[in-house]
Amino acid sequence: MKSNFASDLSKEKKLHSLLDNYYAKNLNRYHFERVSNYREQMQGIDLVFKHRKTGVSFYVDEKAQLDYINERLPTFAFELFYDKGGSKKQGWLFDSTKKTHFYSLVTSIYADDENKFTSCNITFVNRKMLVHYLESIGLSKEKLKEIAILHNDFHGKFELNKLDTRREGYLFFSRKNKVEKPLNLILKLDFLIEIGVAKKFV
């Protein structure tokens, strides 16, 4: 098992120019600024969108499917927990230290070669609305932690009775193939749009 962190970071930097081009073309009412401060990035802020008239700012965390270049996936993985130093840590979705207002989910990433990304899709997700929805159907941070503890040795796809596995989502335990052993909530992008917590950007 190995961590993909360094490789993903390199790919993310190469992807930025394509993403910034999409933002510049389609965010007519907003000015955007990419954040370089490490402390702010650790708080879940990759971009700041500032409304040109009102001055209201929104913090955006970019999440890209960099393990699936030249593939079109209908789902996205939301990190619930991961292991570090033998202990379970809070993933970014429910992490109260994150200041994220929106996730910019980057999917269907296509590249001519590994150094040049040519196109992608972007879906914006309202973090607060998503968390509220999950809580409303009985999938709170506490409930998901309970499931994680009860099935600590499980690996693979785990069905939830609160979600339709084919149309909505499920859990996935990566106990055997990743160093961080993450537990992710896999959700269908169309489902997120359907329930009103997300909107397709490009």
Protein backbone atom coordinates (compact mmCIF):
# COMPACT_ATOMS: atom_id res chain seq x y z
CA MET A 1 0.00 0.00 0.00
CA LYS A 2 1.17 3.53 -0.69
CA SER A 3 -0.06 7.06 -0.28
CA ASN A 4 -1.02 9.00 -3.43
CA PHE A 5 -0.68 12.39 -1.73
CA ALA A 6 2.47 13.64 -3.49
CA SER A 7 1.32 12.42 -6.90
CA ASP A 8 -2.14 13.97 -6.46
CA LEU A 9 -0.61 17.29 -5.39
CA SER A 10 1.49 17.44 -8.56
CA LYS A 11 -1.53 16.63 -10.74
CA GLU A 12 -3.65 19.23 -8.94
CA LYS A 13 -1.17 21.98 -9.73
CA LYS A 14 -1.22 21.01 -13.42
CA LEU A 15 -5.03 21.00 -13.37
CA HIS A 16 -5.29 24.53 -11.94
CA SER A 17 -4.81 26.35 -15.24
CA LEU A 18 -7.74 24.50 -16.83
CA LEU A 19 -9.96 25.09 -13.80
CA ASP A 20 -9.04 28.76 -13.57
CA ASN A 21 -9.96 29.17 -17.23
CA TYR A 22 -13.41 27.66 -16.56
CA TYR A 23 -13.94 29.92 -13.52
CA ALA A 24 -12.87 33.04 -15.41
CA LYS A 25 -15.25 32.29 -18.30
CA ASN A 26 -18.31 31.28 -16.27
CA LEU A 27 -18.21 33.20 -12.98
CA ASN A 28 -19.47 36.51 -14.37
CA ARG A 29 -20.75 37.84 -11.05
CA TYR A 30 -17.73 36.75 -9.01
CA HIS A 31 -14.07 37.53 -8.76
CA PHE A 32 -12.04 34.47 -7.73
CA GLU A 33 -8.69 34.14 -6.06
CA ARG A 34 -6.68 30.95 -5.60
CA VAL A 35 -5.37 30.55 -2.05
CA SER A 36 -1.69 29.75 -1.54
CA ASN A 37 -1.53 30.10 2.26
CA TYR A 38 -1.00 26.62 3.75
CA ARG A 39 -2.98 27.35 6.92
CA GLU A 40 -6.01 28.47 4.92
CA GLN A 41 -5.73 25.44 2.64
CA MET A 42 -5.76 23.19 5.70
CA GLN A 43 -8.99 24.93 6.72
CA GLY A 44 -10.60 23.75 3.49
CA ILE A 45 -10.09 26.89 1.42
CA ASP A 46 -8.56 26.49 -2.04
CA LEU A 47 -10.43 29.39 -3.63
CA VAL A 48 -12.26 32.52 -2.54
CA PHE A 49 -15.21 33.63 -4.66
CA LYS A 50 -16.10 37.27 -4.03
CA HIS A 51 -19.31 38.78 -5.41
CA ARG A 52 -18.41 41.79 -7.54
CA LYS A 53 -21.33 43.95 -6.32
CA THR A 54 -22.02 42.88 -2.72
CA GLY A 55 -18.48 41.93 -1.73
CA VAL A 56 -19.76 38.73 -0.06
CA SER A 57 -17.11 35.99 -0.09
CA PHE A 58 -17.45 32.21 -0.25
CA TYR A 59 -14.75 29.69 0.58
CA VAL A 60 -14.37 26.84 -1.92
CA ASP A 61 -12.57 23.53 -1.49
CA GLU A 62 -11.58 21.84 -4.76
CA LYS A 63 -11.83 18.06 -4.89
CA ALA A 64 -10.68 16.31 -8.07
CA GLN A 65 -10.99 12.69 -9.25
CA LEU A 66 -7.31 12.49 -10.12
CA ASP A 67 -7.17 8.70 -9.80
CA TYR A 68 -9.53 8.39 -12.77
CA ILE A 69 -8.05 10.39 -15.64
CA ASN A 70 -9.86 9.90 -18.98
CA GLU A 71 -12.79 8.22 -17.22
CA ARG A 72 -16.33 9.43 -16.61
CA LEU A 73 -17.60 8.43 -13.16
CA PRO A 74 -21.14 9.21 -11.94
CA THR A 75 -20.12 9.34 -8.27
CA PHE A 76 -17.89 11.25 -5.87
CA ALA A 77 -16.18 10.12 -2.65
CA PHE A 78 -16.73 12.26 0.46
CA GLU A 79 -14.13 11.51 3.14
CA LEU A 80 -15.60 10.58 6.53
CA PHE A 81 -12.62 9.12 8.40
CA TYR A 82 -9.02 8.08 7.82
CA ASP A 83 -6.21 6.50 9.85
CA LYS A 84 -3.10 8.34 10.95
CA GLY A 85 -0.53 6.97 13.35
CA GLY A 86 -2.84 4.14 14.28
CA SER A 87 -5.76 6.34 15.28
CA LYS A 88 -8.94 7.31 13.43
CA LYS A 89 -9.13 10.94 12.26
CA GLN A 90 -12.09 13.02 11.14
CA GLY A 91 -12.42 13.30 7.37
CA TRP A 92 -13.05 16.61 5.64
CA LEU A 93 -16.83 16.37 5.18
CA PHE A 94 -17.75 16.65 8.87
CA ASP A 95 -14.54 18.31 10.10
CA SER A 96 -15.66 21.30 12.21
CA THR A 97 -12.28 23.04 11.71
CA LYS A 98 -12.93 23.41 7.97
CA LYS A 99 -14.33 26.76 6.82
CA THR A 100 -15.54 25.42 3.45
CA HIS A 101 -18.81 26.82 2.10
CA PHE A 102 -18.77 24.95 -1.22
CA TYR A 103 -17.01 21.97 -2.74
CA SER A 104 -15.91 22.25 -6.35
CA LEU A 105 -16.06 18.61 -7.46
CA VAL A 106 -13.89 18.09 -10.53
CA THR A 107 -14.83 14.95 -12.48
CA SER A 108 -14.52 13.46 -15.98
CA ILE A 109 -10.99 14.83 -16.23
CA TYR A 110 -9.48 14.26 -19.67
CA ALA A 111 -5.85 14.69 -20.70
CA ASP A 112 -3.86 14.36 -23.94
CA ASP A 113 -0.93 13.31 -21.78
CA GLU A 114 -0.15 13.36 -18.06
CA ASN A 115 1.14 16.94 -18.26
CA LYS A 116 -1.79 18.55 -20.06
CA PHE A 117 -5.42 18.41 -18.95
CA THR A 118 -7.86 19.34 -21.73
CA SER A 119 -11.38 19.17 -20.23
CA CYS A 120 -13.38 18.30 -17.14
CA ASN A 121 -16.75 18.69 -15.45
CA ILE A 122 -17.29 20.79 -12.32
CA THR A 123 -20.14 20.35 -9.85
CA PHE A 124 -20.58 22.79 -6.97
CA VAL A 125 -21.91 21.31 -3.71
CA ASN A 126 -23.20 23.41 -0.81
CA ARG A 127 -21.45 21.79 2.16
CA LYS A 128 -23.88 22.99 4.84
CA MET A 129 -26.90 21.84 2.85
CA LEU A 130 -25.36 18.42 2.20
CA VAL A 131 -24.53 17.87 5.88
CA HIS A 132 -28.03 19.00 6.87
CA TYR A 133 -29.59 16.59 4.37
CA LEU A 134 -27.51 13.66 5.64
CA GLU A 135 -28.48 14.46 9.21
CA SER A 136 -32.16 14.67 8.20
CA ILE A 137 -32.12 11.08 6.90
CA GLY A 138 -30.26 9.71 9.91
CA LEU A 139 -26.70 9.81 8.59
CA SER A 140 -25.18 12.23 11.07
CA LYS A 141 -21.47 12.37 11.90
CA GLU A 142 -22.16 10.41 15.07
CA LYS A 143 -24.14 7.68 13.28
CA LEU A 144 -21.49 7.27 10.59
CA LYS A 145 -18.77 7.08 13.23
CA GLU A 146 -20.73 4.36 14.97
CA ILE A 147 -20.87 2.38 11.71
CA ALA A 148 -17.14 2.93 11.18
CA ILE A 149 -16.30 1.57 14.63
CA LEU A 150 -18.65 -1.42 14.39
CA HIS A 151 -17.23 -2.44 11.01
CA ASN A 152 -13.62 -1.40 11.57
CA ASP A 153 -12.16 -4.46 9.80
CA PHE A 154 -14.54 -4.36 6.84
CA HIS A 155 -13.19 -3.70 3.35
CA GLY A 156 -15.19 -2.74 0.28
CA LYS A 157 -18.69 -1.54 -0.54
CA PHE A 158 -21.08 -1.20 2.40
CA GLU A 159 -24.77 -0.63 1.72
CA LEU A 160 -26.80 1.80 3.84
CA ASN A 161 -30.54 1.37 4.38
CA LYS A 162 -30.91 5.17 4.27
CA LEU A 163 -29.68 5.39 0.67
CA ASP A 164 -30.59 3.55 -2.51
CA THR A 165 -27.30 1.92 -3.49
CA ARG A 166 -27.83 2.18 -7.24
CA ARG A 167 -29.32 5.68 -7.46
CA GLU A 168 -28.03 7.53 -4.39
CA GLY A 169 -24.96 6.17 -2.62
CA TYR A 170 -23.16 3.87 -0.20
CA LEU A 171 -20.09 3.62 2.04
CA PHE A 172 -16.73 2.33 0.90
CA PHE A 173 -14.08 1.08 3.33
CA SER A 174 -10.55 1.11 1.86
CA ARG A 175 -8.91 -1.02 4.53
CA LYS A 176 -6.53 -3.01 2.32
CA ASN A 177 -5.43 -0.82 -0.58
CA LYS A 178 -4.61 2.59 0.92
CA VAL A 179 -2.24 3.63 3.70
CA GLU A 180 -4.75 6.10 5.16
CA LYS A 181 -7.49 3.39 5.16
CA PRO A 182 -10.21 5.97 4.45
CA LEU A 183 -13.93 5.47 4.92
CA ASN A 184 -15.74 7.38 2.18
CA LEU A 185 -19.38 8.18 1.54
CA ILE A 186 -19.88 7.57 -2.18
CA LEU A 187 -22.69 9.72 -3.59
CA LYS A 188 -24.14 9.97 -7.09
CA LEU A 189 -23.65 13.41 -8.62
CA ASP A 190 -27.11 13.35 -10.23
CA PHE A 191 -28.60 12.54 -6.83
CA LEU A 192 -26.87 15.54 -5.23
CA ILE A 193 -28.33 17.79 -7.94
CA GLU A 194 -31.76 16.16 -7.59
CA ILE A 195 -31.99 16.87 -3.84
CA GLY A 196 -30.93 20.47 -4.36
CA VAL A 197 -27.55 20.53 -2.62
CA ALA A 198 -25.50 20.69 -5.83
CA LYS A 199 -25.44 22.37 -9.21
CA LYS A 200 -23.53 21.45 -12.35
CA PHE A 201 -21.17 24.28 -13.28
CA VAL A 202 -19.54 22.97 -16.46
